[in-house]
């Protein structure tokens, strides 16, 4: 009796983590050749855009996001505070520009299930942010569900097409309405 374990098969077309890191390393090397530029770490516009995208993609309302963040951080966070982090008009209207405090960023990402704001911050200092295995499993599950839904829709359309073909054969030649 053999006690060896079967090896899991991997998709050969899938990028390995090492290939991904090499690609990022090459990108970094390309940008390192340039002199450090003034303002190269100014990321407020990208961060603000990523916060807006995370809120839009999140099934929770801004009020619910604020409530969950308040619970996780132990501090009061309101919907208006979150809106202030995403609003471009402050600068135009002469108000102080508001940013999400770094201590609240993990709670925001956790509640919205979007790590893009952390990815933006990490890349500035050459860090690579990976989701944990549970997040990847959840994403795989969502993709599997979407694939099943698409297959079901395809089967419906194929059945409909087959039914249309049967009906066309049943109509005598002179009655096609042409």
N, C-alpha and C. Protein backbone atom coordinates (compact mmCIF):
# COMPACT_ATOMS: atom_id res chain seq x y z
N UNK A 1 0.84 -1.18 0.00
CA UNK A 1 0.00 0.00 0.00
C UNK A 1 0.89 1.24 0.00
N UNK A 2 0.64 2.15 -0.89
CA UNK A 2 1.45 3.35 -1.02
C UNK A 2 0.94 4.44 -0.09
N UNK A 3 1.83 5.10 0.58
CA UNK A 3 1.46 6.17 1.51
C UNK A 3 1.71 7.56 0.91
N UNK A 4 2.08 7.60 -0.36
CA UNK A 4 2.37 8.90 -0.95
C UNK A 4 1.09 9.66 -1.24
N UNK A 5 1.21 10.95 -1.21
CA UNK A 5 0.07 11.83 -1.48
C UNK A 5 0.06 12.19 -2.95
N UNK A 6 -1.13 12.34 -3.49
CA UNK A 6 -1.24 12.80 -4.87
C UNK A 6 -0.97 14.30 -4.91
N UNK A 7 -0.22 14.70 -5.89
CA UNK A 7 0.05 16.12 -6.06
C UNK A 7 -1.13 16.80 -6.74
N UNK A 8 -1.45 17.99 -6.29
CA UNK A 8 -2.52 18.75 -6.91
C UNK A 8 -2.04 19.26 -8.26
N UNK A 9 -2.95 19.26 -9.21
CA UNK A 9 -2.61 19.78 -10.54
C UNK A 9 -2.86 21.27 -10.55
N UNK A 10 -1.96 21.99 -11.16
CA UNK A 10 -2.08 23.44 -11.25
C UNK A 10 -2.26 23.82 -12.71
N UNK A 11 -2.97 24.90 -12.92
CA UNK A 11 -3.14 25.45 -14.25
C UNK A 11 -1.79 25.97 -14.73
N UNK A 12 -1.29 25.40 -15.80
CA UNK A 12 0.05 25.78 -16.29
C UNK A 12 0.08 27.20 -16.85
N UNK A 13 -1.09 27.74 -17.21
CA UNK A 13 -1.14 29.10 -17.75
C UNK A 13 -1.22 30.15 -16.66
N UNK A 14 -1.47 29.71 -15.43
CA UNK A 14 -1.59 30.66 -14.33
C UNK A 14 -0.22 31.18 -13.94
N UNK A 15 -0.15 32.48 -13.73
CA UNK A 15 1.10 33.10 -13.30
C UNK A 15 1.43 32.65 -11.88
N UNK A 16 2.66 32.25 -11.65
CA UNK A 16 3.05 31.89 -10.29
C UNK A 16 3.34 33.18 -9.53
N UNK A 17 3.35 33.08 -8.22
CA UNK A 17 3.65 34.25 -7.40
C UNK A 17 5.05 34.77 -7.72
N UNK A 18 5.95 33.87 -8.07
CA UNK A 18 7.32 34.28 -8.39
C UNK A 18 7.37 35.06 -9.70
N UNK A 19 6.59 34.62 -10.69
CA UNK A 19 6.51 35.35 -11.96
C UNK A 19 5.93 36.74 -11.74
N UNK A 20 4.91 36.80 -10.90
CA UNK A 20 4.28 38.08 -10.59
C UNK A 20 5.27 39.01 -9.90
N UNK A 21 6.00 38.48 -8.94
CA UNK A 21 6.99 39.30 -8.23
C UNK A 21 8.11 39.75 -9.16
N UNK A 22 8.55 38.87 -10.06
CA UNK A 22 9.58 39.25 -11.03
C UNK A 22 9.08 40.38 -11.92
N UNK A 23 7.82 40.29 -12.34
CA UNK A 23 7.23 41.33 -13.17
C UNK A 23 7.21 42.67 -12.43
N UNK A 24 6.81 42.62 -11.16
CA UNK A 24 6.78 43.85 -10.36
C UNK A 24 8.19 44.38 -10.13
N UNK A 25 9.13 43.48 -9.93
CA UNK A 25 10.53 43.87 -9.73
C UNK A 25 11.06 44.59 -10.97
N UNK A 26 10.70 44.07 -12.15
CA UNK A 26 11.12 44.70 -13.40
C UNK A 26 10.52 46.10 -13.52
N UNK A 27 9.21 46.22 -13.19
CA UNK A 27 8.56 47.53 -13.22
C UNK A 27 9.28 48.49 -12.29
N UNK A 28 9.60 48.01 -11.10
CA UNK A 28 10.27 48.84 -10.10
C UNK A 28 11.65 49.26 -10.60
N UNK A 29 12.38 48.33 -11.24
CA UNK A 29 13.70 48.66 -11.76
C UNK A 29 13.60 49.72 -12.85
N UNK A 30 12.56 49.61 -13.67
CA UNK A 30 12.36 50.61 -14.72
C UNK A 30 12.12 51.99 -14.13
N UNK A 31 11.36 52.06 -13.04
CA UNK A 31 11.07 53.37 -12.44
C UNK A 31 12.20 53.85 -11.54
N UNK A 32 13.03 52.92 -11.03
CA UNK A 32 14.14 53.34 -10.16
C UNK A 32 15.22 54.07 -10.93
N UNK A 33 15.32 53.76 -12.22
CA UNK A 33 16.32 54.43 -13.04
C UNK A 33 16.09 55.93 -13.10
N UNK A 34 14.87 56.35 -12.86
CA UNK A 34 14.55 57.77 -12.87
C UNK A 34 14.93 58.38 -11.52
N UNK A 35 15.25 59.64 -11.54
CA UNK A 35 15.57 60.33 -10.29
C UNK A 35 14.30 60.45 -9.46
N UNK A 36 14.47 60.50 -8.15
CA UNK A 36 13.31 60.70 -7.29
C UNK A 36 12.72 62.06 -7.61
N UNK A 37 11.44 62.06 -7.85
CA UNK A 37 10.78 63.29 -8.25
C UNK A 37 10.01 63.86 -7.07
N UNK A 38 9.96 65.15 -7.03
CA UNK A 38 9.17 65.81 -6.00
C UNK A 38 7.71 65.42 -6.18
N UNK A 39 7.08 65.04 -5.11
CA UNK A 39 5.67 64.68 -5.13
C UNK A 39 5.37 63.28 -5.62
N UNK A 40 6.39 62.44 -5.81
CA UNK A 40 6.13 61.10 -6.34
C UNK A 40 5.32 60.24 -5.38
N UNK A 41 5.27 60.61 -4.10
CA UNK A 41 4.48 59.85 -3.14
C UNK A 41 3.10 60.46 -2.91
N UNK A 42 2.79 61.52 -3.63
CA UNK A 42 1.46 62.10 -3.50
C UNK A 42 0.47 61.17 -4.19
N UNK A 43 -0.34 60.53 -3.38
CA UNK A 43 -1.24 59.52 -3.92
C UNK A 43 -2.70 59.82 -3.58
N UNK A 44 -2.98 61.02 -3.14
CA UNK A 44 -4.32 61.35 -2.66
C UNK A 44 -5.38 61.13 -3.72
N UNK A 45 -5.10 61.46 -4.96
CA UNK A 45 -6.10 61.29 -6.01
C UNK A 45 -6.38 59.81 -6.28
N UNK A 46 -5.30 59.01 -6.34
CA UNK A 46 -5.49 57.56 -6.55
C UNK A 46 -6.19 56.93 -5.36
N UNK A 47 -5.83 57.36 -4.17
CA UNK A 47 -6.44 56.82 -2.96
C UNK A 47 -7.93 57.19 -2.90
N UNK A 48 -8.22 58.44 -3.18
CA UNK A 48 -9.62 58.90 -3.18
C UNK A 48 -10.44 58.11 -4.21
N UNK A 49 -9.87 57.92 -5.40
CA UNK A 49 -10.58 57.16 -6.44
C UNK A 49 -10.78 55.71 -6.02
N UNK A 50 -9.80 55.13 -5.35
CA UNK A 50 -9.95 53.73 -4.92
C UNK A 50 -10.99 53.60 -3.81
N UNK A 51 -11.08 54.60 -2.93
CA UNK A 51 -12.12 54.60 -1.90
C UNK A 51 -13.51 54.67 -2.54
N UNK A 52 -13.64 55.56 -3.52
CA UNK A 52 -14.94 55.69 -4.21
C UNK A 52 -15.31 54.38 -4.91
N UNK A 53 -14.35 53.77 -5.59
CA UNK A 53 -14.62 52.51 -6.29
C UNK A 53 -14.99 51.40 -5.30
N UNK A 54 -14.32 51.36 -4.17
CA UNK A 54 -14.62 50.34 -3.16
C UNK A 54 -16.02 50.52 -2.61
N UNK A 55 -16.41 51.75 -2.37
CA UNK A 55 -17.76 52.04 -1.86
C UNK A 55 -18.80 51.65 -2.91
N UNK A 56 -18.54 51.99 -4.16
CA UNK A 56 -19.49 51.68 -5.23
C UNK A 56 -19.66 50.17 -5.40
N UNK A 57 -18.58 49.41 -5.28
CA UNK A 57 -18.63 47.96 -5.46
C UNK A 57 -19.17 47.22 -4.24
N UNK A 58 -19.18 47.89 -3.10
CA UNK A 58 -19.62 47.26 -1.85
C UNK A 58 -21.15 47.18 -1.81
N UNK A 59 -21.69 46.04 -1.39
CA UNK A 59 -23.15 45.93 -1.30
C UNK A 59 -23.76 46.75 -0.16
N UNK A 60 -22.93 47.21 0.77
CA UNK A 60 -23.41 48.00 1.90
C UNK A 60 -23.54 49.47 1.51
N UNK A 61 -24.44 50.18 2.17
CA UNK A 61 -24.56 51.62 1.96
C UNK A 61 -23.42 52.32 2.70
N UNK A 62 -23.20 53.57 2.41
CA UNK A 62 -22.15 54.33 3.10
C UNK A 62 -22.45 54.39 4.60
N UNK A 63 -23.72 54.51 4.97
CA UNK A 63 -24.09 54.53 6.39
C UNK A 63 -23.73 53.19 7.06
N UNK A 64 -23.97 52.08 6.35
CA UNK A 64 -23.63 50.77 6.89
C UNK A 64 -22.12 50.59 6.99
N UNK A 65 -21.40 51.06 5.99
CA UNK A 65 -19.93 50.99 6.03
C UNK A 65 -19.43 51.77 7.24
N UNK A 66 -19.96 52.97 7.44
CA UNK A 66 -19.56 53.79 8.59
C UNK A 66 -19.85 53.08 9.90
N UNK A 67 -21.03 52.46 10.00
CA UNK A 67 -21.37 51.74 11.22
C UNK A 67 -20.44 50.58 11.51
N UNK A 68 -20.15 49.80 10.47
CA UNK A 68 -19.23 48.66 10.64
C UNK A 68 -17.83 49.14 11.01
N UNK A 69 -17.37 50.20 10.35
CA UNK A 69 -16.05 50.74 10.67
C UNK A 69 -16.01 51.27 12.10
N UNK A 70 -17.07 51.92 12.55
CA UNK A 70 -17.14 52.43 13.93
C UNK A 70 -17.02 51.27 14.91
N UNK A 71 -17.73 50.20 14.62
CA UNK A 71 -17.69 49.02 15.49
C UNK A 71 -16.27 48.44 15.55
N UNK A 72 -15.63 48.30 14.38
CA UNK A 72 -14.30 47.70 14.32
C UNK A 72 -13.22 48.58 14.94
N UNK A 73 -13.35 49.90 14.76
CA UNK A 73 -12.30 50.81 15.24
C UNK A 73 -12.55 51.29 16.67
N UNK A 74 -13.79 51.14 17.14
CA UNK A 74 -14.11 51.64 18.48
C UNK A 74 -14.25 53.15 18.53
N UNK A 75 -14.36 53.78 17.37
CA UNK A 75 -14.51 55.23 17.28
C UNK A 75 -15.69 55.54 16.37
N UNK A 76 -16.28 56.70 16.55
CA UNK A 76 -17.44 57.07 15.74
C UNK A 76 -16.98 57.55 14.38
N UNK A 77 -17.48 56.86 13.36
CA UNK A 77 -17.23 57.23 11.97
C UNK A 77 -18.60 57.38 11.33
N UNK A 78 -18.85 58.54 10.75
CA UNK A 78 -20.15 58.80 10.13
C UNK A 78 -20.05 58.72 8.62
N UNK A 79 -21.20 58.63 7.98
CA UNK A 79 -21.24 58.64 6.52
C UNK A 79 -20.64 59.94 5.98
N UNK A 80 -20.92 61.07 6.67
CA UNK A 80 -20.38 62.35 6.21
C UNK A 80 -18.85 62.36 6.26
N UNK A 81 -18.28 61.71 7.26
CA UNK A 81 -16.81 61.62 7.34
C UNK A 81 -16.28 60.84 6.14
N UNK A 82 -16.94 59.73 5.82
CA UNK A 82 -16.50 58.93 4.67
C UNK A 82 -16.65 59.74 3.38
N UNK A 83 -17.77 60.45 3.24
CA UNK A 83 -17.94 61.31 2.05
C UNK A 83 -16.83 62.35 1.96
N UNK A 84 -16.39 62.86 3.11
CA UNK A 84 -15.33 63.88 3.09
C UNK A 84 -14.01 63.31 2.57
N UNK A 85 -13.79 62.01 2.77
CA UNK A 85 -12.56 61.39 2.27
C UNK A 85 -12.58 61.21 0.76
N UNK A 86 -13.76 61.16 0.17
CA UNK A 86 -13.89 60.85 -1.26
C UNK A 86 -14.22 62.07 -2.11
N UNK A 87 -14.47 63.19 -1.49
CA UNK A 87 -14.96 64.38 -2.20
C UNK A 87 -13.80 65.19 -2.78
N UNK A 88 -13.92 65.53 -4.06
CA UNK A 88 -12.92 66.38 -4.73
C UNK A 88 -13.19 67.86 -4.49
N UNK A 89 -14.42 68.21 -4.15
CA UNK A 89 -14.83 69.60 -4.12
C UNK A 89 -14.22 70.41 -2.97
N UNK A 90 -13.69 69.75 -1.94
CA UNK A 90 -13.12 70.50 -0.82
C UNK A 90 -12.02 71.46 -1.27
N UNK A 91 -11.11 70.93 -2.07
CA UNK A 91 -9.99 71.75 -2.55
C UNK A 91 -10.47 72.92 -3.38
N UNK A 92 -11.45 72.67 -4.21
CA UNK A 92 -12.01 73.71 -5.08
C UNK A 92 -12.72 74.78 -4.26
N UNK A 93 -13.42 74.37 -3.21
CA UNK A 93 -14.20 75.30 -2.39
C UNK A 93 -13.41 75.91 -1.24
N UNK A 94 -12.12 75.70 -1.21
CA UNK A 94 -11.28 76.32 -0.19
C UNK A 94 -11.33 75.65 1.17
N UNK A 95 -11.94 74.48 1.27
CA UNK A 95 -11.96 73.75 2.54
C UNK A 95 -10.69 72.92 2.66
N UNK A 96 -10.37 72.58 3.88
CA UNK A 96 -9.25 71.66 4.08
C UNK A 96 -9.60 70.31 3.47
N UNK A 97 -8.65 69.73 2.78
CA UNK A 97 -8.87 68.42 2.17
C UNK A 97 -8.79 67.38 3.27
N UNK A 98 -9.78 66.49 3.30
CA UNK A 98 -9.82 65.43 4.31
C UNK A 98 -9.29 64.14 3.70
N UNK A 99 -8.54 63.39 4.49
CA UNK A 99 -8.02 62.09 4.07
C UNK A 99 -8.45 61.05 5.08
N UNK A 100 -8.52 59.83 4.63
CA UNK A 100 -8.83 58.75 5.56
C UNK A 100 -7.61 58.56 6.48
N UNK A 101 -7.82 58.56 7.79
CA UNK A 101 -6.69 58.31 8.69
C UNK A 101 -6.14 56.89 8.50
N UNK A 102 -4.85 56.75 8.55
CA UNK A 102 -4.21 55.45 8.34
C UNK A 102 -4.77 54.39 9.28
N UNK A 103 -5.11 54.76 10.51
CA UNK A 103 -5.62 53.77 11.47
C UNK A 103 -6.99 53.24 11.08
N UNK A 104 -7.72 53.94 10.21
CA UNK A 104 -9.05 53.50 9.79
C UNK A 104 -9.03 52.77 8.44
N UNK A 105 -7.91 52.83 7.76
CA UNK A 105 -7.81 52.22 6.44
C UNK A 105 -8.03 50.69 6.48
N UNK A 106 -7.45 49.97 7.43
CA UNK A 106 -7.71 48.52 7.48
C UNK A 106 -9.19 48.20 7.70
N UNK A 107 -9.86 48.96 8.56
CA UNK A 107 -11.29 48.73 8.81
C UNK A 107 -12.09 48.99 7.53
N UNK A 108 -11.75 50.06 6.82
CA UNK A 108 -12.44 50.37 5.57
C UNK A 108 -12.28 49.23 4.58
N UNK A 109 -11.05 48.75 4.41
CA UNK A 109 -10.78 47.67 3.47
C UNK A 109 -11.49 46.38 3.89
N UNK A 110 -11.51 46.10 5.19
CA UNK A 110 -12.17 44.90 5.69
C UNK A 110 -13.67 44.96 5.43
N UNK A 111 -14.28 46.09 5.72
CA UNK A 111 -15.73 46.22 5.57
C UNK A 111 -16.14 46.19 4.09
N UNK A 112 -15.40 46.87 3.24
CA UNK A 112 -15.76 46.93 1.81
C UNK A 112 -15.24 45.73 1.03
N UNK A 113 -14.39 44.92 1.68
CA UNK A 113 -13.78 43.75 1.03
C UNK A 113 -12.96 44.16 -0.19
N UNK A 114 -12.29 45.30 -0.08
CA UNK A 114 -11.47 45.83 -1.17
C UNK A 114 -10.14 46.30 -0.59
N UNK A 115 -9.05 45.69 -1.03
CA UNK A 115 -7.72 46.05 -0.52
C UNK A 115 -7.00 47.06 -1.40
N UNK A 116 -7.65 47.57 -2.43
CA UNK A 116 -6.98 48.49 -3.35
C UNK A 116 -6.33 49.69 -2.66
N UNK A 117 -7.00 50.33 -1.68
CA UNK A 117 -6.32 51.45 -1.02
C UNK A 117 -5.00 51.02 -0.35
N UNK A 118 -4.98 49.83 0.25
CA UNK A 118 -3.74 49.34 0.87
C UNK A 118 -2.69 48.99 -0.19
N UNK A 119 -3.15 48.47 -1.32
CA UNK A 119 -2.23 48.15 -2.41
C UNK A 119 -1.54 49.43 -2.91
N UNK A 120 -2.31 50.50 -3.06
CA UNK A 120 -1.75 51.78 -3.50
C UNK A 120 -0.67 52.24 -2.53
N UNK A 121 -0.98 52.19 -1.25
CA UNK A 121 -0.02 52.64 -0.24
C UNK A 121 1.21 51.72 -0.22
N UNK A 122 0.98 50.42 -0.31
CA UNK A 122 2.09 49.46 -0.26
C UNK A 122 3.05 49.60 -1.42
N UNK A 123 2.51 49.79 -2.60
CA UNK A 123 3.38 49.89 -3.78
C UNK A 123 4.32 51.09 -3.72
N UNK A 124 3.88 52.14 -3.05
CA UNK A 124 4.74 53.32 -2.93
C UNK A 124 6.04 53.00 -2.20
N UNK A 125 5.98 52.05 -1.30
CA UNK A 125 7.18 51.69 -0.52
C UNK A 125 7.66 50.28 -0.86
N UNK A 126 7.29 49.82 -2.05
CA UNK A 126 7.72 48.54 -2.59
C UNK A 126 7.28 47.34 -1.76
N UNK A 127 6.05 47.39 -1.27
CA UNK A 127 5.47 46.24 -0.59
C UNK A 127 4.42 45.63 -1.51
N UNK A 128 4.23 44.35 -1.36
CA UNK A 128 3.26 43.64 -2.18
C UNK A 128 2.16 43.12 -1.28
N UNK A 129 0.91 43.51 -1.53
CA UNK A 129 -0.22 43.12 -0.69
C UNK A 129 -0.93 41.94 -1.36
N UNK A 130 -1.03 40.85 -0.61
CA UNK A 130 -1.74 39.67 -1.09
C UNK A 130 -2.95 39.41 -0.21
N UNK A 131 -4.04 38.95 -0.82
CA UNK A 131 -5.19 38.58 0.01
C UNK A 131 -4.90 37.29 0.75
N UNK A 132 -5.58 37.08 1.87
CA UNK A 132 -5.36 35.84 2.61
C UNK A 132 -6.08 34.70 1.89
N UNK A 133 -5.76 33.47 2.22
CA UNK A 133 -6.35 32.32 1.53
C UNK A 133 -7.88 32.30 1.57
N UNK A 134 -8.48 32.73 2.66
CA UNK A 134 -9.94 32.74 2.75
C UNK A 134 -10.55 33.71 1.74
N UNK A 135 -9.91 34.85 1.56
CA UNK A 135 -10.40 35.82 0.58
C UNK A 135 -10.30 35.24 -0.83
N UNK A 136 -9.20 34.54 -1.09
CA UNK A 136 -9.05 33.91 -2.41
C UNK A 136 -10.09 32.82 -2.61
N UNK A 137 -10.36 32.03 -1.56
CA UNK A 137 -11.38 30.98 -1.67
C UNK A 137 -12.75 31.58 -1.94
N UNK A 138 -13.07 32.68 -1.27
CA UNK A 138 -14.36 33.35 -1.48
C UNK A 138 -14.45 33.88 -2.91
N UNK A 139 -13.36 34.44 -3.41
CA UNK A 139 -13.34 34.95 -4.78
C UNK A 139 -13.52 33.81 -5.78
N UNK A 140 -12.86 32.69 -5.53
CA UNK A 140 -13.00 31.52 -6.40
C UNK A 140 -14.45 31.03 -6.37
N UNK A 141 -15.06 31.02 -5.19
CA UNK A 141 -16.46 30.60 -5.06
C UNK A 141 -17.38 31.51 -5.88
N UNK A 142 -17.15 32.83 -5.80
CA UNK A 142 -17.96 33.78 -6.58
C UNK A 142 -17.79 33.54 -8.08
N UNK A 143 -16.55 33.26 -8.51
CA UNK A 143 -16.30 32.98 -9.92
C UNK A 143 -16.99 31.69 -10.35
N UNK A 144 -16.94 30.66 -9.49
CA UNK A 144 -17.62 29.39 -9.80
C UNK A 144 -19.12 29.61 -9.94
N UNK A 145 -19.71 30.40 -9.04
CA UNK A 145 -21.14 30.68 -9.10
C UNK A 145 -21.49 31.43 -10.38
N UNK A 146 -20.66 32.39 -10.75
CA UNK A 146 -20.90 33.14 -11.98
C UNK A 146 -20.80 32.22 -13.19
N UNK A 147 -19.83 31.31 -13.19
CA UNK A 147 -19.67 30.37 -14.30
C UNK A 147 -20.89 29.45 -14.39
N UNK A 148 -21.40 28.98 -13.25
CA UNK A 148 -22.59 28.13 -13.26
C UNK A 148 -23.79 28.90 -13.82
N UNK A 149 -23.93 30.16 -13.43
CA UNK A 149 -25.05 30.97 -13.92
C UNK A 149 -24.95 31.16 -15.43
N UNK A 150 -23.76 31.40 -15.93
CA UNK A 150 -23.56 31.58 -17.37
C UNK A 150 -23.88 30.28 -18.11
N UNK A 151 -23.44 29.14 -17.56
CA UNK A 151 -23.75 27.85 -18.20
C UNK A 151 -25.25 27.59 -18.22
N UNK A 152 -25.94 27.95 -17.15
CA UNK A 152 -27.40 27.76 -17.09
C UNK A 152 -28.08 28.62 -18.15
N UNK A 153 -27.64 29.86 -18.30
CA UNK A 153 -28.21 30.75 -19.32
C UNK A 153 -27.93 30.21 -20.71
N UNK A 154 -26.75 29.67 -20.91
CA UNK A 154 -26.39 29.09 -22.22
C UNK A 154 -27.30 27.90 -22.53
N UNK A 155 -27.54 27.03 -21.53
CA UNK A 155 -28.42 25.88 -21.73
C UNK A 155 -29.84 26.33 -22.09
N UNK A 156 -30.33 27.38 -21.42
CA UNK A 156 -31.66 27.90 -21.72
C UNK A 156 -31.75 28.36 -23.18
N UNK A 157 -30.74 29.09 -23.60
CA UNK A 157 -30.74 29.60 -24.97
C UNK A 157 -30.62 28.47 -26.00
N UNK A 158 -29.83 27.44 -25.67
CA UNK A 158 -29.70 26.30 -26.57
C UNK A 158 -31.04 25.56 -26.68
N UNK A 159 -31.72 25.41 -25.56
CA UNK A 159 -33.04 24.75 -25.57
C UNK A 159 -34.03 25.58 -26.38
N UNK A 160 -33.98 26.89 -26.20
CA UNK A 160 -34.87 27.78 -26.94
C UNK A 160 -34.60 27.68 -28.44
N UNK A 161 -33.32 27.66 -28.81
CA UNK A 161 -32.93 27.55 -30.21
C UNK A 161 -33.40 26.22 -30.78
N UNK A 162 -33.25 25.16 -30.02
CA UNK A 162 -33.69 23.84 -30.46
C UNK A 162 -35.20 23.83 -30.67
N UNK A 163 -35.93 24.44 -29.74
CA UNK A 163 -37.38 24.53 -29.85
C UNK A 163 -37.79 25.34 -31.07
N UNK A 164 -37.07 26.42 -31.34
CA UNK A 164 -37.36 27.24 -32.52
C UNK A 164 -37.14 26.43 -33.80
N UNK A 165 -36.12 25.59 -33.80
CA UNK A 165 -35.84 24.74 -34.96
C UNK A 165 -36.95 23.75 -35.20
N UNK A 166 -37.50 23.17 -34.15
CA UNK A 166 -38.62 22.24 -34.27
C UNK A 166 -39.85 22.94 -34.83
N UNK A 167 -40.13 24.15 -34.35
CA UNK A 167 -41.29 24.89 -34.81
C UNK A 167 -41.16 25.28 -36.27
N UNK A 168 -39.96 25.62 -36.71
CA UNK A 168 -39.74 26.01 -38.10
C UNK A 168 -40.00 24.83 -39.03
N UNK A 169 -39.68 23.62 -38.60
CA UNK A 169 -39.89 22.43 -39.42
C UNK A 169 -41.39 22.10 -39.51
N UNK A 170 -42.16 22.47 -38.51
CA UNK A 170 -43.58 22.16 -38.47
C UNK A 170 -44.41 23.08 -39.36
N UNK A 171 -43.90 24.26 -39.72
CA UNK A 171 -44.64 25.22 -40.54
C UNK A 171 -44.51 24.81 -42.00
N UNK A 172 -45.64 24.62 -42.70
CA UNK A 172 -45.56 24.30 -44.16
C UNK A 172 -44.86 25.42 -44.92
N UNK A 173 -44.27 25.08 -46.09
CA UNK A 173 -43.45 26.02 -46.87
C UNK A 173 -44.15 27.33 -47.19
N UNK A 174 -45.39 27.34 -47.53
CA UNK A 174 -46.06 28.55 -47.97
C UNK A 174 -46.49 29.47 -46.82
N UNK A 175 -46.28 29.09 -45.57
CA UNK A 175 -46.81 29.85 -44.44
C UNK A 175 -45.74 30.54 -43.59
N UNK A 176 -44.58 30.83 -44.12
CA UNK A 176 -43.50 31.46 -43.36
C UNK A 176 -43.71 32.95 -43.16
N UNK A 177 -44.68 33.52 -43.79
CA UNK A 177 -44.96 34.93 -43.61
C UNK A 177 -44.03 35.83 -44.39
N UNK A 178 -43.38 35.30 -45.40
CA UNK A 178 -42.45 36.12 -46.21
C UNK A 178 -43.11 36.78 -47.35
